[in-house]
Every structure is written in structure tokens, then in C-alpha cells.
């Protein structure tokens, strides 16, 4: 869901009211919901809602399998 702060709405944009009372504008053919909070809030992993996310949402962890065992053994052979 794309959101924008009410102070950053482009001039001349028409504000629509959704069926459940939410305000939104149309930008590039998509709905952009309007937030009326004082500060812009971000879903951050470490710093709460006030700063943009600095850490990735997911981390890669390879599954334990035959190929991973093969790669680990090869790296041990050539690491010497």
C-alpha cells in the first residue's frame, strides 16, 4: 500500500474518499493513500517508526543439502 504525507500531495490533485473513510489520490493510475500524521513514519526493523529501514527484511540462508555440503567441502579443499 503506497502512502504519502498530506504535506507532500501535489497541487491540483483531487482527494477521493474510500468506502471505509480513507483518503487517497490517484497517481499514475494507482491509489496513493494520504496520511495525516505529523511525522513521516517508516516500518523500520531497529529504530521504530521514525526512520527508514536500514536492514533487509530477509536474509539468505542456504538449505542444508547435498549441494551445500559439496560447496563447503570444495571451499575447504582450496582454502589451504
PDB file of N, CA and C in Angstrom:
ATOM      1  N   UNK A   1       0.845  -1.154   0.000  1.00  0.00           N
ATOM      2  CA  UNK A   1       0.000   0.000   0.000  1.00  0.00           C
ATOM      3  C   UNK A   1       0.903   1.233   0.000  1.00  0.00           C
ATOM      4  N   UNK A   2       0.773   2.056  -1.018  1.00  0.00           N
ATOM      5  CA  UNK A   2       1.577   3.259  -1.139  1.00  0.00           C
ATOM      6  C   UNK A   2       0.931   4.376  -0.343  1.00  0.00           C
ATOM      7  N   UNK A   3       1.766   5.090   0.432  1.00  0.00           N
ATOM      8  CA  UNK A   3       1.248   6.175   1.270  1.00  0.00           C
ATOM      9  C   UNK A   3       2.051   7.439   1.026  1.00  0.00           C
ATOM     10  N   UNK A   4       1.427   8.578   1.273  1.00  0.00           N
ATOM     11  CA  UNK A   4       2.094   9.866   1.139  1.00  0.00           C
ATOM     12  C   UNK A   4       1.613  10.765   2.280  1.00  0.00           C
ATOM     13  N   UNK A   5       2.508  11.603   2.792  1.00  0.00           N
ATOM     14  CA  UNK A   5       2.136  12.544   3.834  1.00  0.00           C
ATOM     15  C   UNK A   5       1.276  13.650   3.221  1.00  0.00           C
ATOM     16  N   UNK A   6       0.370  14.184   3.996  1.00  0.00           N
ATOM     17  CA  UNK A   6      -0.557  15.187   3.455  1.00  0.00           C
ATOM     18  C   UNK A   6       0.159  16.465   3.023  1.00  0.00           C
ATOM     19  N   UNK A   7       1.359  16.711   3.523  1.00  0.00           N
ATOM     20  CA  UNK A   7       2.093  17.908   3.120  1.00  0.00           C
ATOM     21  C   UNK A   7       2.758  17.741   1.757  1.00  0.00           C
ATOM     22  N   UNK A   8       2.856  16.509   1.264  1.00  0.00           N
ATOM     23  CA  UNK A   8       3.554  16.253   0.008  1.00  0.00           C
ATOM     24  C   UNK A   8       2.620  15.951  -1.158  1.00  0.00           C
ATOM     25  N   UNK A   9       1.332  16.211  -0.987  1.00  0.00           N
ATOM     26  CA  UNK A   9       0.376  15.978  -2.065  1.00  0.00           C
ATOM     27  C   UNK A   9       0.601  17.044  -3.138  1.00  0.00           C
ATOM     28  N   UNK A  10       0.736  16.657  -4.408  1.00  0.00           N
ATOM     29  CA  UNK A  10       0.922  17.657  -5.473  1.00  0.00           C
ATOM     30  C   UNK A  10      -0.291  18.588  -5.574  1.00  0.00           C
ATOM     31  N   UNK A  11      -0.026  19.828  -5.916  1.00  0.00           N
ATOM     32  CA  UNK A  11      -1.119  20.790  -6.063  1.00  0.00           C
ATOM     33  C   UNK A  11      -2.019  20.396  -7.222  1.00  0.00           C
ATOM     34  N   UNK A  12      -3.290  20.587  -7.031  1.00  0.00           N
ATOM     35  CA  UNK A  12      -4.251  20.267  -8.071  1.00  0.00           C
ATOM     36  C   UNK A  12      -4.713  18.816  -8.060  1.00  0.00           C
ATOM     37  N   UNK A  13      -4.210  18.022  -7.131  1.00  0.00           N
ATOM     38  CA  UNK A  13      -4.631  16.622  -7.046  1.00  0.00           C
ATOM     39  C   UNK A  13      -5.993  16.546  -6.373  1.00  0.00           C
ATOM     40  N   UNK A  14      -6.832  15.699  -6.904  1.00  0.00           N
ATOM     41  CA  UNK A  14      -8.149  15.511  -6.319  1.00  0.00           C
ATOM     42  C   UNK A  14      -8.062  14.422  -5.263  1.00  0.00           C
ATOM     43  N   UNK A  15      -8.580  14.702  -4.074  1.00  0.00           N
ATOM     44  CA  UNK A  15      -8.563  13.727  -2.975  1.00  0.00           C
ATOM     45  C   UNK A  15      -9.893  12.995  -2.982  1.00  0.00           C
ATOM     46  N   UNK A  16      -9.826  11.666  -3.040  1.00  0.00           N
ATOM     47  CA  UNK A  16     -11.013  10.815  -3.046  1.00  0.00           C
ATOM     48  C   UNK A  16     -11.200  10.218  -1.659  1.00  0.00           C
ATOM     49  N   UNK A  17     -12.422   9.829  -1.346  1.00  0.00           N
ATOM     50  CA  UNK A  17     -12.741   9.193  -0.078  1.00  0.00           C
ATOM     51  C   UNK A  17     -13.095   7.731  -0.359  1.00  0.00           C
ATOM     52  N   UNK A  18     -12.400   6.801   0.311  1.00  0.00           N
ATOM     53  CA  UNK A  18     -12.639   5.376   0.112  1.00  0.00           C
ATOM     54  C   UNK A  18     -13.909   4.917   0.810  1.00  0.00           C
ATOM     55  N   UNK A  19     -14.318   3.657   0.570  1.00  0.00           N
ATOM     56  CA  UNK A  19     -15.556   3.160   1.170  1.00  0.00           C
ATOM     57  C   UNK A  19     -15.480   3.029   2.686  1.00  0.00           C
ATOM     58  N   UNK A  20     -14.286   2.930   3.237  1.00  0.00           N
ATOM     59  CA  UNK A  20     -14.131   2.830   4.691  1.00  0.00           C
ATOM     60  C   UNK A  20     -13.615   4.126   5.307  1.00  0.00           C
ATOM     61  N   UNK A  21     -13.632   5.207   4.543  1.00  0.00           N
ATOM     62  CA  UNK A  21     -13.286   6.502   5.079  1.00  0.00           C
ATOM     63  C   UNK A  21     -11.855   6.942   4.852  1.00  0.00           C
ATOM     64  N   UNK A  22     -11.059   6.171   4.145  1.00  0.00           N
ATOM     65  CA  UNK A  22      -9.670   6.563   3.915  1.00  0.00           C
ATOM     66  C   UNK A  22      -9.593   7.539   2.743  1.00  0.00           C
ATOM     67  N   UNK A  23      -8.643   8.465   2.834  1.00  0.00           N
ATOM     68  CA  UNK A  23      -8.426   9.428   1.762  1.00  0.00           C
ATOM     69  C   UNK A  23      -7.296   8.936   0.868  1.00  0.00           C
ATOM     70  N   UNK A  24      -7.456   9.137  -0.430  1.00  0.00           N
ATOM     71  CA  UNK A  24      -6.413   8.729  -1.368  1.00  0.00           C
ATOM     72  C   UNK A  24      -6.442   9.631  -2.586  1.00  0.00           C
ATOM     73  N   UNK A  25      -5.338   9.640  -3.307  1.00  0.00           N
ATOM     74  CA  UNK A  25      -5.244  10.344  -4.583  1.00  0.00           C
ATOM     75  C   UNK A  25      -4.875   9.309  -5.641  1.00  0.00           C
ATOM     76  N   UNK A  26      -5.075   9.651  -6.887  1.00  0.00           N
ATOM     77  CA  UNK A  26      -4.703   8.772  -7.988  1.00  0.00           C
ATOM     78  C   UNK A  26      -3.419   9.323  -8.598  1.00  0.00           C
ATOM     79  N   UNK A  27      -2.356   8.500  -8.615  1.00  0.00           N
ATOM     80  CA  UNK A  27      -1.088   8.894  -9.220  1.00  0.00           C
ATOM     81  C   UNK A  27      -0.632   7.766 -10.134  1.00  0.00           C
ATOM     82  N   UNK A  28      -0.451   8.055 -11.393  1.00  0.00           N
ATOM     83  CA  UNK A  28      -0.043   7.082 -12.409  1.00  0.00           C
ATOM     84  C   UNK A  28      -1.010   5.903 -12.473  1.00  0.00           C
ATOM     85  N   UNK A  29      -2.274   6.149 -12.255  1.00  0.00           N
ATOM     86  CA  UNK A  29      -3.283   5.106 -12.350  1.00  0.00           C
ATOM     87  C   UNK A  29      -3.398   4.221 -11.125  1.00  0.00           C
ATOM     88  N   UNK A  30      -2.679   4.545 -10.048  1.00  0.00           N
ATOM     89  CA  UNK A  30      -2.720   3.739  -8.825  1.00  0.00           C
ATOM     90  C   UNK A  30      -3.156   4.602  -7.649  1.00  0.00           C
ATOM     91  N   UNK A  31      -3.773   3.979  -6.645  1.00  0.00           N
ATOM     92  CA  UNK A  31      -4.178   4.693  -5.446  1.00  0.00           C
ATOM     93  C   UNK A  31      -2.957   4.959  -4.571  1.00  0.00           C
ATOM     94  N   UNK A  32      -2.863   6.158  -4.063  1.00  0.00           N
ATOM     95  CA  UNK A  32      -1.842   6.536  -3.088  1.00  0.00           C
ATOM     96  C   UNK A  32      -2.587   7.090  -1.886  1.00  0.00           C
ATOM     97  N   UNK A  33      -2.505   6.392  -0.761  1.00  0.00           N
ATOM     98  CA  UNK A  33      -3.253   6.781   0.422  1.00  0.00           C
ATOM     99  C   UNK A  33      -2.585   7.947   1.131  1.00  0.00           C
ATOM    100  N   UNK A  34      -3.402   8.812   1.720  1.00  0.00           N
ATOM    101  CA  UNK A  34      -2.929  10.039   2.362  1.00  0.00           C
ATOM    102  C   UNK A  34      -2.842   9.803   3.864  1.00  0.00           C
ATOM    103  N   UNK A  35      -1.692  10.167   4.446  1.00  0.00           N
ATOM    104  CA  UNK A  35      -1.512  10.102   5.896  1.00  0.00           C
ATOM    105  C   UNK A  35      -1.567  11.516   6.442  1.00  0.00           C
ATOM    106  N   UNK A  36      -2.185  11.666   7.601  1.00  0.00           N
ATOM    107  CA  UNK A  36      -2.319  12.983   8.206  1.00  0.00           C
ATOM    108  C   UNK A  36      -1.510  13.113   9.493  1.00  0.00           C
ATOM    109  N   UNK A  37      -0.537  12.245   9.714  1.00  0.00           N
ATOM    110  CA  UNK A  37       0.304  12.338  10.903  1.00  0.00           C
ATOM    111  C   UNK A  37       1.283  13.495  10.805  1.00  0.00           C
ATOM    112  N   UNK A  38       1.869  13.868  11.947  1.00  0.00           N
ATOM    113  CA  UNK A  38       2.817  14.984  11.974  1.00  0.00           C
ATOM    114  C   UNK A  38       4.140  14.618  11.331  1.00  0.00           C
ATOM    115  N   UNK A  39       4.609  13.398  11.557  1.00  0.00           N
ATOM    116  CA  UNK A  39       5.894  12.971  11.008  1.00  0.00           C
ATOM    117  C   UNK A  39       5.666  11.805  10.073  1.00  0.00           C
ATOM    118  N   UNK A  40       6.577  11.663   9.122  1.00  0.00           N
ATOM    119  CA  UNK A  40       6.517  10.519   8.212  1.00  0.00           C
ATOM    120  C   UNK A  40       6.978   9.293   8.980  1.00  0.00           C
ATOM    121  N   UNK A  41       6.236   8.207   8.896  1.00  0.00           N
ATOM    122  CA  UNK A  41       6.583   7.017   9.650  1.00  0.00           C
ATOM    123  C   UNK A  41       6.971   5.903   8.705  1.00  0.00           C
ATOM    124  N   UNK A  42       7.992   5.140   9.089  1.00  0.00           N
ATOM    125  CA  UNK A  42       8.504   4.040   8.292  1.00  0.00           C
ATOM    126  C   UNK A  42       8.484   2.768   9.130  1.00  0.00           C
ATOM    127  N   UNK A  43       8.194   1.612   8.531  1.00  0.00           N
ATOM    128  CA  UNK A  43       8.275   0.357   9.291  1.00  0.00           C
ATOM    129  C   UNK A  43       9.726  -0.104   9.374  1.00  0.00           C
ATOM    130  N   UNK A  44      10.466   0.371  10.333  1.00  0.00           N
ATOM    131  CA  UNK A  44      11.877   0.052  10.463  1.00  0.00           C
ATOM    132  C   UNK A  44      12.070  -1.116  11.421  1.00  0.00           C
ATOM    133  N   UNK A  45      13.085  -1.908  11.157  1.00  0.00           N
ATOM    134  CA  UNK A  45      13.334  -3.077  11.978  1.00  0.00           C
ATOM    135  C   UNK A  45      13.943  -2.710  13.328  1.00  0.00           C
ATOM    136  N   UNK A  46      14.828  -1.721  13.369  1.00  0.00           N
ATOM    137  CA  UNK A  46      15.550  -1.416  14.597  1.00  0.00           C
ATOM    138  C   UNK A  46      15.082  -0.137  15.277  1.00  0.00           C
ATOM    139  N   UNK A  47      14.789   0.891  14.527  1.00  0.00           N
ATOM    140  CA  UNK A  47      14.607   2.222  15.098  1.00  0.00           C
ATOM    141  C   UNK A  47      13.154   2.635  15.257  1.00  0.00           C
ATOM    142  N   UNK A  48      12.243   1.710  15.221  1.00  0.00           N
ATOM    143  CA  UNK A  48      10.842   2.074  15.377  1.00  0.00           C
ATOM    144  C   UNK A  48      10.253   2.604  14.093  1.00  0.00           C
ATOM    145  N   UNK A  49       9.322   3.546  14.216  1.00  0.00           N
ATOM    146  CA  UNK A  49       8.586   4.028  13.061  1.00  0.00           C
ATOM    147  C   UNK A  49       9.107   5.344  12.523  1.00  0.00           C
ATOM    148  N   UNK A  50      10.198   5.899  13.089  1.00  0.00           N
ATOM    149  CA  UNK A  50      10.613   7.240  12.705  1.00  0.00           C
ATOM    150  C   UNK A  50      11.690   7.300  11.633  1.00  0.00           C
ATOM    151  N   UNK A  51      12.420   6.229  11.388  1.00  0.00           N
ATOM    152  CA  UNK A  51      13.500   6.255  10.403  1.00  0.00           C
ATOM    153  C   UNK A  51      13.292   5.170   9.368  1.00  0.00           C
ATOM    154  N   UNK A  52      13.796   5.377   8.165  1.00  0.00           N
ATOM    155  CA  UNK A  52      13.649   4.339   7.134  1.00  0.00           C
ATOM    156  C   UNK A  52      14.400   3.067   7.511  1.00  0.00           C
ATOM    157  N   UNK A  53      13.978   1.960   6.943  1.00  0.00           N
ATOM    158  CA  UNK A  53      14.578   0.662   7.224  1.00  0.00           C
ATOM    159  C   UNK A  53      16.004   0.621   6.688  1.00  0.00           C
ATOM    160  N   UNK A  54      16.941   0.203   7.537  1.00  0.00           N
ATOM    161  CA  UNK A  54      18.339   0.093   7.130  1.00  0.00           C
ATOM    162  C   UNK A  54      18.755  -1.352   6.946  1.00  0.00           C
ATOM    163  N   UNK A  55      18.038  -2.276   7.554  1.00  0.00           N
ATOM    164  CA  UNK A  55      18.383  -3.689   7.430  1.00  0.00           C
ATOM    165  C   UNK A  55      17.409  -4.358   6.471  1.00  0.00           C
ATOM    166  N   UNK A  56      17.853  -5.352   5.745  1.00  0.00           N
ATOM    167  CA  UNK A  56      16.929  -6.044   4.838  1.00  0.00           C
ATOM    168  C   UNK A  56      15.875  -6.821   5.620  1.00  0.00           C
ATOM    169  N   UNK A  57      14.746  -7.024   4.999  1.00  0.00           N
ATOM    170  CA  UNK A  57      13.668  -7.759   5.668  1.00  0.00           C
ATOM    171  C   UNK A  57      13.965  -9.249   5.767  1.00  0.00           C
ATOM    172  N   UNK A  58      14.706  -9.770   4.815  1.00  0.00           N
ATOM    173  CA  UNK A  58      15.029 -11.204   4.823  1.00  0.00           C
ATOM    174  C   UNK A  58      16.528 -11.371   4.691  1.00  0.00           C
ATOM    175  N   UNK A  59      17.024 -12.458   5.171  1.00  0.00           N
ATOM    176  CA  UNK A  59      18.417 -12.778   4.927  1.00  0.00           C
ATOM    177  C   UNK A  59      18.477 -14.138   4.242  1.00  0.00           C
ATOM    178  N   UNK A  60      19.480 -14.310   3.408  1.00  0.00           N
ATOM    179  CA  UNK A  60      19.608 -15.550   2.665  1.00  0.00           C
ATOM    180  C   UNK A  60      20.289 -16.584   3.540  1.00  0.00           C
ATOM    181  N   UNK A  61      19.685 -17.732   3.651  1.00  0.00           N
ATOM    182  CA  UNK A  61      20.327 -18.846   4.336  1.00  0.00           C
ATOM    183  C   UNK A  61      20.089 -20.087   3.476  1.00  0.00           C
ATOM    184  N   UNK A  62      21.178 -20.640   3.000  1.00  0.00           N
ATOM    185  CA  UNK A  62      21.073 -21.799   2.124  1.00  0.00           C
ATOM    186  C   UNK A  62      20.591 -23.005   2.906  1.00  0.00           C
ATOM    187  N   UNK A  63      19.811 -23.841   2.270  1.00  0.00           N
ATOM    188  CA  UNK A  63      19.307 -25.032   2.930  1.00  0.00           C
ATOM    189  C   UNK A  63      20.406 -26.078   3.002  1.00  0.00           C
ATOM    190  N   UNK A  64      20.388 -26.833   4.068  1.00  0.00           N
ATOM    191  CA  UNK A  64      21.368 -27.889   4.231  1.00  0.00           C
ATOM    192  C   UNK A  64      21.005 -29.032   3.282  1.00  0.00           C
ATOM    193  N   UNK A  65      21.847 -29.264   2.337  1.00  0.00           N
ATOM    194  CA  UNK A  65      21.583 -30.325   1.386  1.00  0.00           C
ATOM    195  C   UNK A  65      22.886 -30.801   0.793  1.00  0.00           C
ATOM    196  N   UNK A  66      22.784 -31.701  -0.162  1.00  0.00           N
ATOM    197  CA  UNK A  66      23.967 -32.296  -0.760  1.00  0.00           C
ATOM    198  C   UNK A  66      24.805 -31.245  -1.488  1.00  0.00           C
ATOM    199  N   UNK A  67      24.165 -30.328  -2.186  1.00  0.00           N
ATOM    200  CA  UNK A  67      24.923 -29.325  -2.930  1.00  0.00           C
ATOM    201  C   UNK A  67      25.676 -28.398  -1.980  1.00  0.00           C
ATOM    202  N   UNK A  68      25.056 -28.010  -0.892  1.00  0.00           N
ATOM    203  CA  UNK A  68      25.725 -27.137   0.074  1.00  0.00           C
ATOM    204  C   UNK A  68      26.909 -27.852   0.719  1.00  0.00           C
ATOM    205  N   UNK A  69      26.741 -29.114   1.054  1.00  0.00           N
ATOM    206  CA  UNK A  69      27.872 -29.879   1.607  1.00  0.00           C
ATOM    207  C   UNK A  69      29.002 -29.958   0.599  1.00  0.00           C
ATOM    208  N   UNK A  70      28.673 -30.131  -0.675  1.00  0.00           N
ATOM    209  CA  UNK A  70      29.681 -30.189  -1.720  1.00  0.00           C
ATOM    210  C   UNK A  70      30.441 -28.866  -1.822  1.00  0.00           C
ATOM    211  N   UNK A  71      29.715 -27.753  -1.817  1.00  0.00           N
ATOM    212  CA  UNK A  71      30.345 -26.436  -1.914  1.00  0.00           C
ATOM    213  C   UNK A  71      31.250 -26.185  -0.706  1.00  0.00           C
ATOM    214  N   UNK A  72      30.793 -26.533   0.486  1.00  0.00           N
ATOM    215  CA  UNK A  72      31.611 -26.321   1.685  1.00  0.00           C
ATOM    216  C   UNK A  72      32.874 -27.172   1.638  1.00  0.00           C
ATOM    217  N   UNK A  73      32.760 -28.395   1.173  1.00  0.00           N
ATOM    218  CA  UNK A  73      33.934 -29.261   1.077  1.00  0.00           C
ATOM    219  C   UNK A  73      34.915 -28.730   0.035  1.00  0.00           C
ATOM    220  N   UNK A  74      34.405 -28.218  -1.080  1.00  0.00           N
ATOM    221  CA  UNK A  74      35.284 -27.674  -2.101  1.00  0.00           C
ATOM    222  C   UNK A  74      36.012 -26.427  -1.597  1.00  0.00           C
ATOM    223  N   UNK A  75      35.320 -25.588  -0.838  1.00  0.00           N
ATOM    224  CA  UNK A  75      35.962 -24.380  -0.325  1.00  0.00           C
ATOM    225  C   UNK A  75      37.032 -24.740   0.709  1.00  0.00           C
ATOM    226  N   UNK A  76      36.852 -25.824   1.433  1.00  0.00           N
ATOM    227  CA  UNK A  76      37.867 -26.248   2.403  1.00  0.00           C
ATOM    228  C   UNK A  76      39.087 -26.812   1.688  1.00  0.00           C
ATOM    229  N   UNK A  77      38.863 -27.465   0.550  1.00  0.00           N
ATOM    230  CA  UNK A  77      39.985 -28.041  -0.186  1.00  0.00           C
ATOM    231  C   UNK A  77      40.875 -26.963  -0.759  1.00  0.00           C
ATOM    232  N   UNK A  78      40.271 -25.900  -1.297  1.00  0.00           N
ATOM    233  CA  UNK A  78      41.039 -24.864  -1.977  1.00  0.00           C
ATOM    234  C   UNK A  78      41.460 -23.728  -1.054  1.00  0.00           C
ATOM    235  N   UNK A  79      41.023 -23.731   0.205  1.00  0.00           N
ATOM    236  CA  UNK A  79      41.349 -22.665   1.127  1.00  0.00           C
ATOM    237  C   UNK A  79      42.767 -22.823   1.696  1.00  0.00           C
ATOM    238  N   UNK A  80      43.352 -23.985   1.550  1.00  0.00           N
ATOM    239  CA  UNK A  80      44.674 -24.239   2.152  1.00  0.00           C
ATOM    240  C   UNK A  80      45.772 -23.551   1.442  1.00  0.00           C
TER     241      UNK A  80
END
